[in-house]
Amino acid sequence: MKGQVVKVISEIFFVLCDGKIYKCKQRGILKKQNTLPLVGDFVVFNQEKKVIESILPRFNMIIRPNVANITQAFIVTSFKNPDFSTNLLDKLLVELEINKIKPVICLTKKDLIDESTFQEYKEILDYYERIGYQVVYNTELIKIKKILEDNTTVFTGQTGAGKSTLLNKLFTDLNLKTGEVSLALNRGKHTTRHTEIIIKDNIKVLDTPGFSALSFVTYKKEDVRDAFLEFKNFPCIYKDCMHVGEVECKVKEAVKDKLILESRYNNYLNFIKEFENTKRW
């Protein structure tokens, strides 16, 4: 039979098939091949033995959190507590672009900042909208539900930014556990212990353990470069230009002319530096 893995706890895989959940283990050969079914995987399983026999081809996957076959991602990020971070936002956008997952930027905790601070952030967010990203606020519940329809959506972003809180507001019967943010560390405590697909009518969403850092070790630096969508609007003389130290680089000129957001470009430089430092070891 064919089904979809909707939850993984330890070595138990919860497979949804025809409206019923089967608690399965993976076949021994998959273990030997170190092939682990992920939440979101479509699998072939033995209904009687409750064993996953094979994993069907994935059209995408991300490593952190470990999920597969995702159509879009809500990057939930707060204005304050924890503080808004363009570095983490851009890292997540790169990760999603490389894996061909549509990003939606969702802002929370607007009530914790004053109007002048909000206007400063809004100028940054307006830039992200201009380059093609959808931006929503966690108070726009009807709009968010419309975006979620007919998609499998992963909710990810800063730990403590309010992913589980937002899901509880969208689906009032979930009662997902939420947690406080450490004032000393300015980051949240992990409250989601496992990744699970939540199915509500024609909506599939995933609540995942939050995280605060990503690594590009599995990618090429050209992948990172090409994930910055706006760079393609400023073609350089040389197609292999990395927009770092090259002369006559149109991207660097665009940054200087304020056509590219400076923080985006600086984050890009940091990512390339991080990439090169990682690859040395």
Protein backbone atom coordinates (compact mmCIF):
# COMPACT_ATOMS: atom_id res chain seq x y z
CA MET A 1 0.00 0.00 0.00
CA LYS A 2 1.01 3.61 -0.51
CA GLY A 3 0.85 6.27 2.18
CA GLN A 4 2.51 9.40 3.51
CA VAL A 5 4.68 9.71 6.61
CA VAL A 6 3.01 12.35 8.77
CA LYS A 7 5.04 11.96 11.98
CA VAL A 8 8.25 10.35 13.17
CA ILE A 9 8.97 9.58 16.83
CA SER A 10 12.16 7.69 17.55
CA GLU A 11 12.07 4.79 15.06
CA ILE A 12 8.29 4.73 14.70
CA PHE A 13 6.89 6.15 11.46
CA PHE A 14 3.24 7.22 11.42
CA VAL A 15 1.93 6.55 7.91
CA LEU A 16 -1.38 8.02 6.69
CA CYS A 17 -3.31 5.90 4.21
CA ASP A 18 -7.01 6.25 3.32
CA GLY A 19 -7.69 8.33 6.41
CA LYS A 20 -6.08 5.84 8.81
CA ILE A 21 -2.74 6.05 10.64
CA TYR A 22 -0.42 3.03 10.68
CA LYS A 23 2.50 2.90 13.13
CA CYS A 24 5.31 1.41 11.06
CA LYS A 25 8.96 0.52 11.33
CA GLN A 26 11.35 0.72 8.40
CA ARG A 27 12.53 -2.34 6.53
CA GLY A 28 15.94 -3.66 7.55
CA ILE A 29 17.49 -2.98 4.15
CA LEU A 30 16.59 0.71 4.46
CA LYS A 31 18.39 0.81 7.80
CA LYS A 32 21.46 -0.81 6.30
CA GLN A 33 21.41 1.71 3.46
CA ASN A 34 21.06 4.48 6.05
CA THR A 35 17.93 5.63 4.20
CA LEU A 36 15.61 7.23 6.72
CA PRO A 37 11.99 8.04 5.79
CA LEU A 38 11.24 11.70 6.47
CA VAL A 39 8.04 13.42 7.44
CA GLY A 40 6.34 14.19 4.13
CA ASP A 41 7.72 11.13 2.35
CA PHE A 42 5.37 9.03 0.26
CA VAL A 43 6.14 5.38 0.94
CA VAL A 44 5.15 1.85 0.06
CA PHE A 45 4.40 -0.14 3.22
CA ASN A 46 3.13 -3.56 4.27
CA GLN A 47 -0.22 -3.02 5.97
CA GLU A 48 -0.15 -6.30 7.93
CA LYS A 49 3.48 -6.25 9.03
CA LYS A 50 3.46 -2.47 9.57
CA VAL A 51 6.78 -2.13 7.75
CA ILE A 52 7.90 0.56 5.29
CA GLU A 53 9.33 -1.25 2.29
CA SER A 54 10.44 1.64 0.08
CA ILE A 55 10.48 5.42 -0.19
CA LEU A 56 8.99 6.93 -3.34
CA PRO A 57 10.98 9.62 -5.20
CA ARG A 58 11.00 13.03 -3.51
CA PHE A 59 10.52 16.26 -5.43
CA ASN A 60 12.38 18.16 -2.72
CA MET A 61 13.68 17.92 0.82
CA ILE A 62 15.33 20.08 3.44
CA ILE A 63 17.74 18.86 6.07
CA ARG A 64 16.99 21.08 9.03
CA PRO A 65 14.21 20.33 9.82
CA ASN A 66 14.20 16.96 8.08
CA VAL A 67 11.12 17.08 5.84
CA ALA A 68 10.29 16.15 2.25
CA ASN A 69 7.81 16.99 -0.51
CA ILE A 70 7.08 20.50 0.72
CA THR A 71 5.42 23.04 -1.59
CA GLN A 72 5.89 26.18 0.51
CA ALA A 73 7.36 27.45 3.77
CA PHE A 74 6.22 30.09 6.22
CA ILE A 75 9.29 31.79 7.67
CA VAL A 76 7.93 32.94 11.01
CA THR A 77 10.10 35.72 12.39
CA SER A 78 9.39 38.16 15.20
CA PHE A 79 10.10 41.87 15.41
CA LYS A 80 11.27 41.51 19.00
CA ASN A 81 11.98 38.85 21.61
CA PRO A 82 13.76 37.33 19.71
CA ASP A 83 14.87 40.30 17.62
CA PHE A 84 14.30 40.47 13.88
CA SER A 85 17.33 39.05 12.05
CA THR A 86 17.91 39.66 8.34
CA ASN A 87 20.83 37.21 8.56
CA LEU A 88 18.64 34.28 9.59
CA LEU A 89 15.86 35.39 7.25
CA ASP A 90 18.22 35.45 4.27
CA LYS A 91 19.72 32.10 5.21
CA LEU A 92 16.28 30.55 5.26
CA LEU A 93 15.37 32.17 1.95
CA VAL A 94 18.54 30.76 0.38
CA GLU A 95 17.78 27.30 1.76
CA LEU A 96 14.26 27.39 0.35
CA GLU A 97 15.23 28.84 -3.03
CA ILE A 98 17.85 26.14 -3.56
CA ASN A 99 15.28 23.47 -2.72
CA LYS A 100 12.56 25.06 -4.88
CA ILE A 101 10.18 25.67 -1.98
CA LYS A 102 8.07 28.83 -2.16
CA PRO A 103 8.82 31.11 0.84
CA VAL A 104 6.27 33.28 2.64
CA ILE A 105 7.63 35.72 5.24
CA CYS A 106 5.36 35.94 8.30
CA LEU A 107 6.00 38.59 10.95
CA THR A 108 4.97 38.29 14.60
CA LYS A 109 5.01 40.37 17.79
CA LYS A 110 4.37 43.73 16.12
CA ASP A 111 2.78 44.82 19.39
CA LEU A 112 6.20 44.77 21.08
CA ILE A 113 7.65 47.61 18.98
CA ASP A 114 6.63 51.24 18.56
CA GLU A 115 5.41 52.77 15.31
CA SER A 116 8.71 54.44 14.35
CA THR A 117 10.59 51.14 14.78
CA PHE A 118 7.93 49.38 12.74
CA GLN A 119 8.35 51.87 9.90
CA GLU A 120 12.09 51.16 9.86
CA TYR A 121 11.44 47.45 9.56
CA LYS A 122 8.69 48.03 6.99
CA GLU A 123 11.17 49.67 4.62
CA ILE A 124 13.20 46.46 4.75
CA LEU A 125 10.12 44.27 4.30
CA ASP A 126 8.93 46.40 1.38
CA TYR A 127 12.21 45.57 -0.34
CA TYR A 128 11.59 41.83 0.08
CA GLU A 129 8.15 42.28 -1.45
CA ARG A 130 9.62 44.20 -4.39
CA ILE A 131 11.98 41.34 -5.23
CA GLY A 132 9.10 38.86 -5.22
CA TYR A 133 8.50 37.56 -1.69
CA GLN A 134 5.09 37.53 -0.05
CA VAL A 135 4.98 39.19 3.38
CA VAL A 136 2.16 38.65 5.86
CA TYR A 137 1.51 39.36 9.54
CA ASN A 138 0.36 36.78 12.08
CA THR A 139 -2.81 38.79 12.70
CA GLU A 140 -3.98 38.23 9.10
CA LEU A 141 -5.49 34.81 9.82
CA ILE A 142 -7.99 34.72 6.93
CA LYS A 143 -5.29 35.72 4.43
CA ILE A 144 -2.89 33.12 5.84
CA LYS A 145 -5.47 30.33 5.63
CA LYS A 146 -6.07 31.22 1.98
CA ILE A 147 -2.33 30.96 1.26
CA LEU A 148 -2.20 27.58 3.02
CA GLU A 149 -4.98 26.01 0.95
CA ASP A 150 -3.92 23.15 -1.37
CA ASN A 151 -0.34 23.28 -0.13
CA THR A 152 1.94 21.30 2.14
CA THR A 153 3.52 24.05 4.22
CA VAL A 154 6.38 23.89 6.68
CA PHE A 155 6.42 26.48 9.46
CA THR A 156 9.97 27.37 10.34
CA GLY A 157 12.11 30.29 11.52
CA GLN A 158 13.42 31.67 14.77
CA THR A 159 12.94 29.61 17.89
CA GLY A 160 10.47 31.49 20.06
CA ALA A 161 9.07 33.59 17.21
CA GLY A 162 5.59 32.13 17.63
CA LYS A 163 5.17 29.29 15.14
CA SER A 164 3.10 27.08 17.44
CA THR A 165 1.15 30.07 18.74
CA LEU A 166 0.19 31.00 15.17
CA LEU A 167 -0.86 27.44 14.37
CA ASN A 168 -3.00 27.38 17.52
CA LYS A 169 -4.75 30.56 16.32
CA LEU A 170 -5.29 29.15 12.84
CA PHE A 171 -6.62 25.83 14.14
CA THR A 172 -8.10 26.32 17.58
CA ASP A 173 -8.37 22.60 18.39
CA LEU A 174 -4.63 21.89 18.07
CA ASN A 175 -3.47 23.00 21.54
CA LEU A 176 0.19 22.86 20.51
CA LYS A 177 2.60 23.52 23.35
CA THR A 178 4.18 26.97 23.34
CA GLY A 179 7.09 28.34 25.32
CA GLU A 180 8.69 31.47 26.64
CA VAL A 181 11.72 33.28 25.27
CA SER A 182 14.91 33.44 27.30
CA LEU A 183 15.55 37.12 28.01
CA ALA A 184 19.20 36.43 28.72
CA LEU A 185 19.83 34.72 25.38
CA ASN A 186 17.13 36.54 23.35
CA ARG A 187 16.03 33.25 21.88
CA GLY A 188 13.25 30.80 22.48
CA LYS A 189 13.16 27.50 24.27
CA HIS A 190 12.35 24.53 22.02
CA THR A 191 8.72 23.56 22.57
CA THR A 192 8.05 21.41 19.49
CA ARG A 193 9.77 18.06 20.08
CA HIS A 194 9.04 16.39 16.78
CA THR A 195 7.95 17.24 13.25
CA GLU A 196 4.38 16.38 12.31
CA ILE A 197 2.04 17.04 9.40
CA ILE A 198 -1.24 18.50 10.61
CA ILE A 199 -4.10 17.94 8.17
CA LYS A 200 -7.16 20.19 8.19
CA ASP A 201 -9.48 19.83 5.19
CA ASN A 202 -7.38 20.84 2.15
CA ILE A 203 -4.54 22.24 4.27
CA LYS A 204 -1.39 20.38 5.30
CA VAL A 205 0.97 22.17 7.68
CA LEU A 206 4.05 21.09 9.57
CA ASP A 207 5.05 22.32 13.00
CA THR A 208 8.78 21.73 13.46
CA PRO A 209 11.34 22.19 16.20
CA GLY A 210 12.79 25.68 15.81
CA PHE A 211 16.42 26.36 15.08
CA SER A 212 18.77 29.33 15.16
CA ALA A 213 21.55 28.36 12.75
CA LEU A 214 21.98 26.82 9.33
CA SER A 215 24.95 25.61 7.36
CA PHE A 216 25.50 25.61 3.60
CA VAL A 217 27.97 22.72 3.65
CA THR A 218 25.85 20.58 1.31
CA TYR A 219 25.61 23.26 -1.38
CA LYS A 220 27.90 24.92 -3.92
CA LYS A 221 28.73 28.59 -3.54
CA GLU A 222 27.12 29.20 -6.94
CA ASP A 223 23.88 27.82 -5.49
CA VAL A 224 24.05 30.41 -2.73
CA ARG A 225 24.74 33.20 -5.23
CA ASP A 226 21.86 32.21 -7.52
CA ALA A 227 19.43 32.06 -4.58
CA PHE A 228 19.68 35.86 -4.25
CA LEU A 229 16.95 36.59 -6.79
CA GLU A 230 17.64 40.28 -7.29
CA PHE A 231 21.23 39.67 -8.40
CA LYS A 232 19.87 38.34 -11.71
CA ASN A 233 18.50 41.81 -12.49
CA PHE A 234 22.07 43.13 -12.73
CA PRO A 235 23.96 40.82 -15.14
CA CYS A 236 27.73 41.11 -14.93
CA ILE A 237 30.21 40.97 -17.81
CA TYR A 238 31.35 37.53 -16.70
CA LYS A 239 28.66 34.89 -16.14
CA ASP A 240 30.70 33.25 -13.36
CA CYS A 241 31.02 36.50 -11.37
CA MET A 242 30.58 35.82 -7.65
CA HIS A 243 29.97 39.51 -6.85
CA VAL A 244 32.67 39.58 -4.19
CA GLY A 245 36.02 41.01 -5.34
CA GLU A 246 35.51 41.18 -9.09
CA VAL A 247 35.98 44.47 -10.95
CA GLU A 248 33.12 46.04 -12.91
CA CYS A 249 30.59 43.94 -10.98
CA LYS A 250 27.08 45.17 -11.69
CA VAL A 251 25.74 43.75 -8.45
CA LYS A 252 28.24 45.73 -6.36
CA GLU A 253 27.34 48.84 -8.36
CA ALA A 254 23.65 48.20 -7.64
CA VAL A 255 24.41 47.98 -3.90
CA LYS A 256 26.28 51.27 -4.11
CA ASP A 257 23.34 52.84 -5.95
CA LYS A 258 20.96 51.47 -3.27
CA LEU A 259 19.11 49.31 -5.80
CA ILE A 260 20.05 46.23 -3.77
CA LEU A 261 19.47 46.25 -0.02
CA GLU A 262 22.86 46.61 1.66
CA SER A 263 22.05 44.19 4.48
CA ARG A 264 21.12 41.53 1.90
CA TYR A 265 24.44 41.96 0.12
CA ASN A 266 26.40 41.94 3.39
CA ASN A 267 24.62 38.74 4.42
CA TYR A 268 25.54 37.26 1.05
CA LEU A 269 29.21 38.10 1.61
CA ASN A 270 29.05 36.50 5.06
CA PHE A 271 27.46 33.36 3.63
CA ILE A 272 30.16 33.02 0.97
CA LYS A 273 32.85 33.55 3.61
CA GLU A 274 31.20 30.95 5.86
CA PHE A 275 30.97 28.59 2.90
CA GLU A 276 34.64 28.98 2.02
CA ASN A 277 35.77 28.59 5.64
CA THR A 278 33.69 25.42 6.01
CA LYS A 279 35.01 23.89 2.80
CA ARG A 280 38.62 24.28 3.98
CA TRP A 281 38.11 21.65 6.66
